[in-house]
Amino acid sequence: MPTAIFCGAFDPVTNGHMDLIERASKLFDQLYVFVAPNSEKHQVFTAERRLAWLEQACIPYKNVSCRIQKGLTVDAAKSVHAKYLIRGMRNSQDFEYELNMAAMNRSIDDSIETICLFTKPEHMFCSSSNVRELLRYHLDISAFVPDCVRMDLKGGYHENIE
């Protein structure tokens, strides 16, 4: 029964993330999606809010569970007995980053394999950073995020984004 994890900041979760979750859910018996800390980024939305969005957006996928990650990605994998890490790639910059992370994760635990899924063309330019930028300027984000995120942010929370 293969189990995989997909970790990300999801700040906020995008349609590109959801496409990867949907596709990965078809490849594995169980997929755990972790809201991960990222020491290189300042998260705008709380981990709890990001988790709530993911849980709501993942309702259609019966084999997907969402959690907040504590510690390293390999530790998250071990916590749910996963042997596979799912990563998404949009461009060559993602490739360089993911190559480095896969090598680092392998050096920590070589029993965990990284599997990269290429982004569909329609999601290639969809990133959480781009969504936050649109929010800063009060522009429509509906083409880039699940409805649960759009509806939640419709209430004006985006006005607090710096």
Protein backbone atom coordinates (compact mmCIF):
# COMPACT_ATOMS: atom_id res chain seq x y z
CA MET A 1 0.00 0.00 0.00
CA PRO A 2 2.18 2.92 -1.23
CA THR A 3 1.89 6.17 0.69
CA ALA A 4 3.22 9.55 -0.41
CA ILE A 5 3.45 13.03 1.01
CA PHE A 6 3.21 16.42 -0.66
CA CYS A 7 4.63 19.26 1.42
CA GLY A 8 4.39 22.94 0.70
CA ALA A 9 3.81 26.33 2.22
CA PHE A 10 0.44 26.67 0.42
CA ASP A 11 0.39 30.40 1.23
CA PRO A 12 -2.29 30.28 -0.16
CA VAL A 13 -3.10 26.98 -1.82
CA THR A 14 -3.49 27.44 -5.59
CA ASN A 15 -5.21 25.58 -8.39
CA GLY A 16 -1.75 24.42 -9.44
CA HIS A 17 -1.27 22.79 -6.02
CA MET A 18 -4.70 21.22 -6.27
CA ASP A 19 -3.94 19.80 -9.71
CA LEU A 20 -0.83 18.12 -8.30
CA ILE A 21 -2.80 16.79 -5.32
CA GLU A 22 -5.48 15.36 -7.61
CA ARG A 23 -2.93 13.70 -9.88
CA ALA A 24 -0.85 12.32 -7.00
CA SER A 25 -3.98 10.98 -5.29
CA LYS A 26 -4.50 8.74 -8.32
CA LEU A 27 -0.97 7.33 -8.08
CA PHE A 28 -0.94 6.36 -4.40
CA ASP A 29 -3.22 4.56 -1.99
CA GLN A 30 -2.74 7.33 0.55
CA LEU A 31 -1.51 10.91 0.10
CA TYR A 32 -0.71 13.18 3.02
CA VAL A 33 -0.54 16.89 2.28
CA PHE A 34 1.54 18.78 4.82
CA VAL A 35 1.49 22.53 5.42
CA ALA A 36 5.23 22.93 5.80
CA PRO A 37 7.29 25.58 7.48
CA ASN A 38 9.77 27.37 5.24
CA SER A 39 12.52 29.27 7.02
CA GLU A 40 13.33 31.15 3.79
CA LYS A 41 9.84 32.62 3.44
CA HIS A 42 7.58 34.77 5.58
CA GLN A 43 4.13 33.20 5.53
CA VAL A 44 1.23 35.64 5.22
CA PHE A 45 -1.51 33.25 6.34
CA THR A 46 -1.40 31.13 9.50
CA ALA A 47 -0.64 27.44 9.21
CA GLU A 48 -4.08 26.70 10.65
CA ARG A 49 -5.81 28.77 7.98
CA ARG A 50 -3.78 27.13 5.21
CA LEU A 51 -4.62 23.71 6.66
CA ALA A 52 -8.34 24.57 6.73
CA TRP A 53 -8.22 25.61 3.06
CA LEU A 54 -6.46 22.38 2.11
CA GLU A 55 -8.88 20.23 4.10
CA GLN A 56 -11.83 21.88 2.40
CA ALA A 57 -10.30 21.75 -1.08
CA CYS A 58 -9.31 18.09 -0.66
CA ILE A 59 -12.77 16.84 0.36
CA PRO A 60 -13.32 15.17 -3.07
CA TYR A 61 -10.20 13.03 -2.62
CA LYS A 62 -10.99 10.26 -0.15
CA ASN A 63 -7.39 9.07 0.10
CA VAL A 64 -5.96 12.52 0.92
CA SER A 65 -5.33 13.71 4.48
CA CYS A 66 -3.97 17.11 5.44
CA ARG A 67 -1.72 18.00 8.37
CA ILE A 68 0.65 20.64 9.66
CA GLN A 69 4.28 19.62 9.33
CA LYS A 70 6.65 19.90 12.24
CA GLY A 71 10.30 19.44 11.43
CA LEU A 72 11.93 18.18 8.28
CA THR A 73 10.13 16.71 5.28
CA VAL A 74 11.76 13.32 5.80
CA ASP A 75 10.46 13.34 9.38
CA ALA A 76 6.95 14.08 8.08
CA ALA A 77 7.30 11.13 5.67
CA LYS A 78 8.41 8.83 8.47
CA SER A 79 5.53 9.97 10.69
CA VAL A 80 3.00 8.56 8.19
CA HIS A 81 5.17 5.67 6.90
CA ALA A 82 5.49 7.28 3.45
CA LYS A 83 8.29 6.28 1.11
CA TYR A 84 7.58 8.87 -1.57
CA LEU A 85 7.79 12.67 -1.68
CA ILE A 86 5.74 14.41 -4.35
CA ARG A 87 7.11 17.66 -5.76
CA GLY A 88 5.83 19.89 -8.54
CA MET A 89 7.92 21.58 -11.18
CA ARG A 90 6.88 24.58 -13.27
CA ASN A 91 10.17 25.69 -14.75
CA SER A 92 13.96 25.36 -14.70
CA GLN A 93 14.22 27.32 -11.45
CA ASP A 94 11.97 24.77 -9.75
CA PHE A 95 14.13 22.01 -11.24
CA GLU A 96 17.30 23.42 -9.66
CA TYR A 97 15.60 23.86 -6.29
CA GLU A 98 13.97 20.40 -6.33
CA LEU A 99 17.18 18.70 -7.45
CA ASN A 100 18.99 20.19 -4.47
CA MET A 101 16.19 19.27 -2.05
CA ALA A 102 15.96 15.71 -3.38
CA ALA A 103 19.70 15.25 -2.89
CA MET A 104 19.50 16.66 0.64
CA ASN A 105 16.51 14.49 1.57
CA ARG A 106 18.26 11.43 0.13
CA SER A 107 21.35 12.18 2.22
CA ILE A 108 19.15 12.23 5.34
CA ASP A 109 17.15 9.11 4.47
CA ASP A 110 17.89 7.20 1.28
CA SER A 111 14.79 5.02 1.66
CA ILE A 112 12.51 7.93 0.69
CA GLU A 113 12.18 8.63 -3.03
CA THR A 114 11.32 12.01 -4.57
CA ILE A 115 8.86 11.99 -7.47
CA CYS A 116 8.43 15.19 -9.50
CA LEU A 117 5.27 15.96 -11.41
CA PHE A 118 5.38 18.57 -14.11
CA THR A 119 2.83 21.34 -13.89
CA LYS A 120 0.15 21.47 -16.53
CA PRO A 121 0.63 24.42 -18.91
CA GLU A 122 -2.44 26.23 -17.59
CA HIS A 123 -0.90 26.34 -14.10
CA MET A 124 2.66 27.14 -15.12
CA PHE A 125 2.51 30.76 -13.95
CA CYS A 126 0.28 30.11 -10.97
CA SER A 127 2.18 30.57 -7.71
CA SER A 128 1.23 31.58 -4.20
CA SER A 129 3.53 34.59 -4.57
CA ASN A 130 1.65 35.72 -7.68
CA VAL A 131 -1.68 35.28 -5.90
CA ARG A 132 -0.48 37.36 -2.95
CA GLU A 133 0.66 40.07 -5.36
CA LEU A 134 -2.78 40.15 -6.99
CA LEU A 135 -4.34 40.41 -3.54
CA ARG A 136 -2.12 43.38 -2.67
CA TYR A 137 -3.65 45.25 -5.60
CA HIS A 138 -7.21 44.01 -4.95
CA LEU A 139 -7.33 42.06 -8.21
CA ASP A 140 -9.41 38.98 -8.95
CA ILE A 141 -7.75 35.71 -7.87
CA SER A 142 -10.60 33.37 -8.81
CA ALA A 143 -8.73 31.82 -11.75
CA PHE A 144 -5.81 30.84 -9.53
CA VAL A 145 -7.23 29.49 -6.26
CA PRO A 146 -9.86 26.99 -5.11
CA ASP A 147 -13.28 28.45 -4.30
CA CYS A 148 -12.77 27.98 -0.55
CA VAL A 149 -9.75 30.33 -0.65
CA ARG A 150 -11.48 32.85 -2.89
CA MET A 151 -14.57 32.95 -0.69
CA ASP A 152 -12.56 33.24 2.52
CA LEU A 153 -10.40 36.07 1.19
CA LYS A 154 -13.40 37.85 -0.33
CA GLY A 155 -14.09 39.14 3.17
CA GLY A 156 -11.18 41.58 2.94
CA TYR A 157 -8.40 39.71 4.71
CA HIS A 158 -6.15 40.61 1.79
CA GLU A 159 -6.11 44.22 2.94
CA ASN A 160 -3.64 43.18 5.63
CA ILE A 161 -1.11 41.91 3.11
CA GLU A 162 1.94 44.16 3.01
